[in-house]
Amino acid sequence: MLDKVSKIEVDFAIPVELSDADYHDLDKLVGRICGANCPKGWAFWPAGCGNKPHFNPVDCAMLGKPYDPSGPSAGEPTFDDSVYYVECSAREKYPEEIVRDEARAAKERRRKSSMGYRLHRFLRRIGASVRAF
């Protein structure tokens, strides 16, 4: 198992077709990975997806990205239509987001500590019908 991953690459031996559902599933997977690895007090999300951009050297320097020699030497970025690209972003949460998240967490803790919820989980565990709830 790898320690920390900052990029996932898949090279297909032959070109493949992805359905809209495949793209949606990939985006959901990336979002789930972001959510599961988000540091406390931070927001971490898939920020954009589409064809892979190739930037010129100046844009790469401004964006903090490595320069790809196959990219343009100047001007607008070019896009590689054969690569589906998802970029993730992260930032510290705003104070009001932290307050909101703490309130949600407290509400969820209260809900889970209720007797009805524990009974519901017990019945599901033993395979009983849960329709009464």
C-alpha atoms as a PDB file:
ATOM      1  CA  MET A   1       0.000   0.000   0.000  1.00  0.00           C
ATOM      2  CA  LEU A   2       1.269   3.464  -0.859  1.00  0.00           C
ATOM      3  CA  ASP A   3       1.837   5.974   1.925  1.00  0.00           C
ATOM      4  CA  LYS A   4       0.494   9.198   0.388  1.00  0.00           C
ATOM      5  CA  VAL A   5      -0.787   9.706  -3.147  1.00  0.00           C
ATOM      6  CA  SER A   6      -0.899  13.093  -4.864  1.00  0.00           C
ATOM      7  CA  LYS A   7      -1.864  11.905  -8.346  1.00  0.00           C
ATOM      8  CA  ILE A   8      -3.587   8.910  -9.942  1.00  0.00           C
ATOM      9  CA  GLU A   9      -2.710   8.027 -13.534  1.00  0.00           C
ATOM     10  CA  VAL A  10      -4.260   5.322 -15.676  1.00  0.00           C
ATOM     11  CA  ASP A  11      -2.757   4.523 -19.090  1.00  0.00           C
ATOM     12  CA  PHE A  12      -5.077   2.410 -21.197  1.00  0.00           C
ATOM     13  CA  ALA A  13      -3.361   0.068 -23.679  1.00  0.00           C
ATOM     14  CA  ILE A  14      -5.994   0.981 -26.266  1.00  0.00           C
ATOM     15  CA  PRO A  15      -8.339   3.997 -26.433  1.00  0.00           C
ATOM     16  CA  VAL A  16     -11.523   3.455 -24.429  1.00  0.00           C
ATOM     17  CA  GLU A  17     -14.954   5.060 -24.480  1.00  0.00           C
ATOM     18  CA  LEU A  18     -16.353   6.442 -21.245  1.00  0.00           C
ATOM     19  CA  SER A  19     -20.079   6.883 -20.796  1.00  0.00           C
ATOM     20  CA  ASP A  20     -21.576   9.824 -18.940  1.00  0.00           C
ATOM     21  CA  ALA A  21     -22.148   7.421 -16.029  1.00  0.00           C
ATOM     22  CA  ASP A  22     -18.423   6.508 -16.068  1.00  0.00           C
ATOM     23  CA  TYR A  23     -17.427  10.180 -15.881  1.00  0.00           C
ATOM     24  CA  HIS A  24     -19.942  10.715 -13.090  1.00  0.00           C
ATOM     25  CA  ASP A  25     -18.613   7.686 -11.165  1.00  0.00           C
ATOM     26  CA  LEU A  26     -15.022   8.905 -11.526  1.00  0.00           C
ATOM     27  CA  ASP A  27     -15.990  12.348 -10.255  1.00  0.00           C
ATOM     28  CA  LYS A  28     -17.869  10.838  -7.296  1.00  0.00           C
ATOM     29  CA  LEU A  29     -14.867   8.632  -6.457  1.00  0.00           C
ATOM     30  CA  VAL A  30     -12.507  11.619  -6.478  1.00  0.00           C
ATOM     31  CA  GLY A  31     -14.960  13.590  -4.332  1.00  0.00           C
ATOM     32  CA  ARG A  32     -15.197  10.702  -1.855  1.00  0.00           C
ATOM     33  CA  ILE A  33     -11.383  10.459  -1.663  1.00  0.00           C
ATOM     34  CA  CYS A  34     -11.168  14.233  -1.055  1.00  0.00           C
ATOM     35  CA  GLY A  35     -13.809  14.055   1.675  1.00  0.00           C
ATOM     36  CA  ALA A  36     -12.142  11.103   3.402  1.00  0.00           C
ATOM     37  CA  ASN A  37      -8.731  12.825   3.439  1.00  0.00           C
ATOM     38  CA  CYS A  38      -9.761  16.378   4.237  1.00  0.00           C
ATOM     39  CA  PRO A  39      -7.808  17.806   7.186  1.00  0.00           C
ATOM     40  CA  LYS A  40      -9.871  19.232  10.040  1.00  0.00           C
ATOM     41  CA  GLY A  41     -10.694  22.869   9.394  1.00  0.00           C
ATOM     42  CA  TRP A  42     -10.156  22.575   5.646  1.00  0.00           C
ATOM     43  CA  ALA A  43     -12.324  22.276   2.542  1.00  0.00           C
ATOM     44  CA  PHE A  44     -10.999  19.812  -0.072  1.00  0.00           C
ATOM     45  CA  TRP A  45     -12.964  19.115  -3.258  1.00  0.00           C
ATOM     46  CA  PRO A  46     -12.728  18.231  -6.973  1.00  0.00           C
ATOM     47  CA  ALA A  47     -12.604  21.728  -8.465  1.00  0.00           C
ATOM     48  CA  GLY A  48     -12.704  21.042 -12.167  1.00  0.00           C
ATOM     49  CA  CYS A  49     -12.724  18.288 -14.730  1.00  0.00           C
ATOM     50  CA  GLY A  50     -12.430  17.919 -18.482  1.00  0.00           C
ATOM     51  CA  ASN A  51      -9.686  17.652 -21.091  1.00  0.00           C
ATOM     52  CA  LYS A  52      -6.168  18.004 -19.707  1.00  0.00           C
ATOM     53  CA  PRO A  53      -4.800  21.541 -20.133  1.00  0.00           C
ATOM     54  CA  HIS A  54      -1.230  22.309 -21.229  1.00  0.00           C
ATOM     55  CA  PHE A  55      -0.081  25.755 -20.112  1.00  0.00           C
ATOM     56  CA  ASN A  56       2.683  28.041 -21.379  1.00  0.00           C
ATOM     57  CA  PRO A  57       5.770  28.551 -19.146  1.00  0.00           C
ATOM     58  CA  VAL A  58       4.522  31.850 -17.658  1.00  0.00           C
ATOM     59  CA  ASP A  59       1.137  30.379 -16.724  1.00  0.00           C
ATOM     60  CA  CYS A  60       2.879  27.328 -15.225  1.00  0.00           C
ATOM     61  CA  ALA A  61       5.036  29.578 -13.055  1.00  0.00           C
ATOM     62  CA  MET A  62       2.013  31.586 -11.883  1.00  0.00           C
ATOM     63  CA  LEU A  63      -0.063  28.449 -11.189  1.00  0.00           C
ATOM     64  CA  GLY A  64       2.787  26.527  -9.547  1.00  0.00           C
ATOM     65  CA  LYS A  65       2.554  23.718 -12.100  1.00  0.00           C
ATOM     66  CA  PRO A  66       5.447  21.972 -13.845  1.00  0.00           C
ATOM     67  CA  TYR A  67       5.988  23.026 -17.450  1.00  0.00           C
ATOM     68  CA  ASP A  68       5.149  20.395 -20.046  1.00  0.00           C
ATOM     69  CA  PRO A  69       7.264  20.808 -23.212  1.00  0.00           C
ATOM     70  CA  SER A  70       4.308  19.624 -25.304  1.00  0.00           C
ATOM     71  CA  GLY A  71       2.420  22.729 -24.176  1.00  0.00           C
ATOM     72  CA  PRO A  72       2.388  26.065 -25.985  1.00  0.00           C
ATOM     73  CA  SER A  73       5.433  28.324 -25.741  1.00  0.00           C
ATOM     74  CA  ALA A  74       3.156  31.371 -25.292  1.00  0.00           C
ATOM     75  CA  GLY A  75      -0.477  32.364 -25.382  1.00  0.00           C
ATOM     76  CA  GLU A  76      -3.595  30.432 -24.451  1.00  0.00           C
ATOM     77  CA  PRO A  77      -3.457  26.897 -23.043  1.00  0.00           C
ATOM     78  CA  THR A  78      -4.039  23.920 -25.298  1.00  0.00           C
ATOM     79  CA  PHE A  79      -6.048  20.870 -24.289  1.00  0.00           C
ATOM     80  CA  ASP A  80      -5.364  17.165 -24.742  1.00  0.00           C
ATOM     81  CA  ASP A  81      -8.664  15.615 -25.836  1.00  0.00           C
ATOM     82  CA  SER A  82      -7.385  12.100 -25.114  1.00  0.00           C
ATOM     83  CA  VAL A  83      -6.946  12.698 -21.364  1.00  0.00           C
ATOM     84  CA  TYR A  84      -9.773  13.120 -18.829  1.00  0.00           C
ATOM     85  CA  TYR A  85      -8.407  15.393 -16.117  1.00  0.00           C
ATOM     86  CA  VAL A  86      -9.744  16.108 -12.631  1.00  0.00           C
ATOM     87  CA  GLU A  87      -8.104  18.804 -10.504  1.00  0.00           C
ATOM     88  CA  CYS A  88      -8.721  19.099  -6.772  1.00  0.00           C
ATOM     89  CA  SER A  89      -8.450  22.228  -4.641  1.00  0.00           C
ATOM     90  CA  ALA A  90      -8.111  22.802  -0.917  1.00  0.00           C
ATOM     91  CA  ARG A  91      -8.397  25.810   1.371  1.00  0.00           C
ATOM     92  CA  GLU A  92      -8.913  26.636   5.002  1.00  0.00           C
ATOM     93  CA  LYS A  93     -12.560  26.885   5.969  1.00  0.00           C
ATOM     94  CA  TYR A  94     -14.093  30.234   6.756  1.00  0.00           C
ATOM     95  CA  PRO A  95     -15.107  30.738  10.407  1.00  0.00           C
ATOM     96  CA  GLU A  96     -18.832  30.515   9.576  1.00  0.00           C
ATOM     97  CA  GLU A  97     -18.235  27.183   7.813  1.00  0.00           C
ATOM     98  CA  ILE A  98     -16.527  25.790  10.908  1.00  0.00           C
ATOM     99  CA  VAL A  99     -19.441  26.890  13.129  1.00  0.00           C
ATOM    100  CA  ARG A 100     -21.944  25.353  10.683  1.00  0.00           C
ATOM    101  CA  ASP A 101     -20.028  22.060  10.516  1.00  0.00           C
ATOM    102  CA  GLU A 102     -19.771  21.838  14.302  1.00  0.00           C
ATOM    103  CA  ALA A 103     -23.520  22.401  14.619  1.00  0.00           C
ATOM    104  CA  ARG A 104     -24.197  19.650  12.054  1.00  0.00           C
ATOM    105  CA  ALA A 105     -21.853  17.261  13.844  1.00  0.00           C
ATOM    106  CA  ALA A 106     -23.532  17.939  17.202  1.00  0.00           C
ATOM    107  CA  LYS A 107     -26.959  17.343  15.661  1.00  0.00           C
ATOM    108  CA  GLU A 108     -25.767  14.068  14.134  1.00  0.00           C
ATOM    109  CA  ARG A 109     -24.272  12.946  17.477  1.00  0.00           C
ATOM    110  CA  ARG A 110     -27.618  13.638  19.196  1.00  0.00           C
ATOM    111  CA  ARG A 111     -29.495  11.745  16.496  1.00  0.00           C
ATOM    112  CA  LYS A 112     -27.187   8.739  16.717  1.00  0.00           C
ATOM    113  CA  SER A 113     -27.375   8.648  20.501  1.00  0.00           C
ATOM    114  CA  SER A 114     -31.165   8.440  20.461  1.00  0.00           C
ATOM    115  CA  MET A 115     -32.779   5.139  21.435  1.00  0.00           C
ATOM    116  CA  GLY A 116     -34.738   4.917  18.166  1.00  0.00           C
ATOM    117  CA  TYR A 117     -31.584   5.095  16.087  1.00  0.00           C
ATOM    118  CA  ARG A 118     -29.822   2.419  18.140  1.00  0.00           C
ATOM    119  CA  LEU A 119     -32.881   0.147  17.912  1.00  0.00           C
ATOM    120  CA  HIS A 120     -33.092   0.750  14.159  1.00  0.00           C
ATOM    121  CA  ARG A 121     -29.421  -0.244  13.712  1.00  0.00           C
ATOM    122  CA  PHE A 122     -29.874  -3.325  15.904  1.00  0.00           C
ATOM    123  CA  LEU A 123     -32.877  -4.481  13.878  1.00  0.00           C
ATOM    124  CA  ARG A 124     -31.011  -3.960  10.625  1.00  0.00           C
ATOM    125  CA  ARG A 125     -28.060  -5.917  11.975  1.00  0.00           C
ATOM    126  CA  ILE A 126     -30.219  -8.932  12.819  1.00  0.00           C
ATOM    127  CA  GLY A 127     -32.113  -8.653   9.533  1.00  0.00           C
ATOM    128  CA  ALA A 128     -35.479  -7.675  10.948  1.00  0.00           C
ATOM    129  CA  SER A 129     -37.886  -5.447   9.075  1.00  0.00           C
ATOM    130  CA  VAL A 130     -37.386  -1.759   9.840  1.00  0.00           C
ATOM    131  CA  ARG A 131     -40.554  -0.397   8.256  1.00  0.00           C
ATOM    132  CA  ALA A 132     -41.987   0.764  11.578  1.00  0.00           C
ATOM    133  CA  PHE A 133     -39.361   3.494  11.738  1.00  0.00           C
END
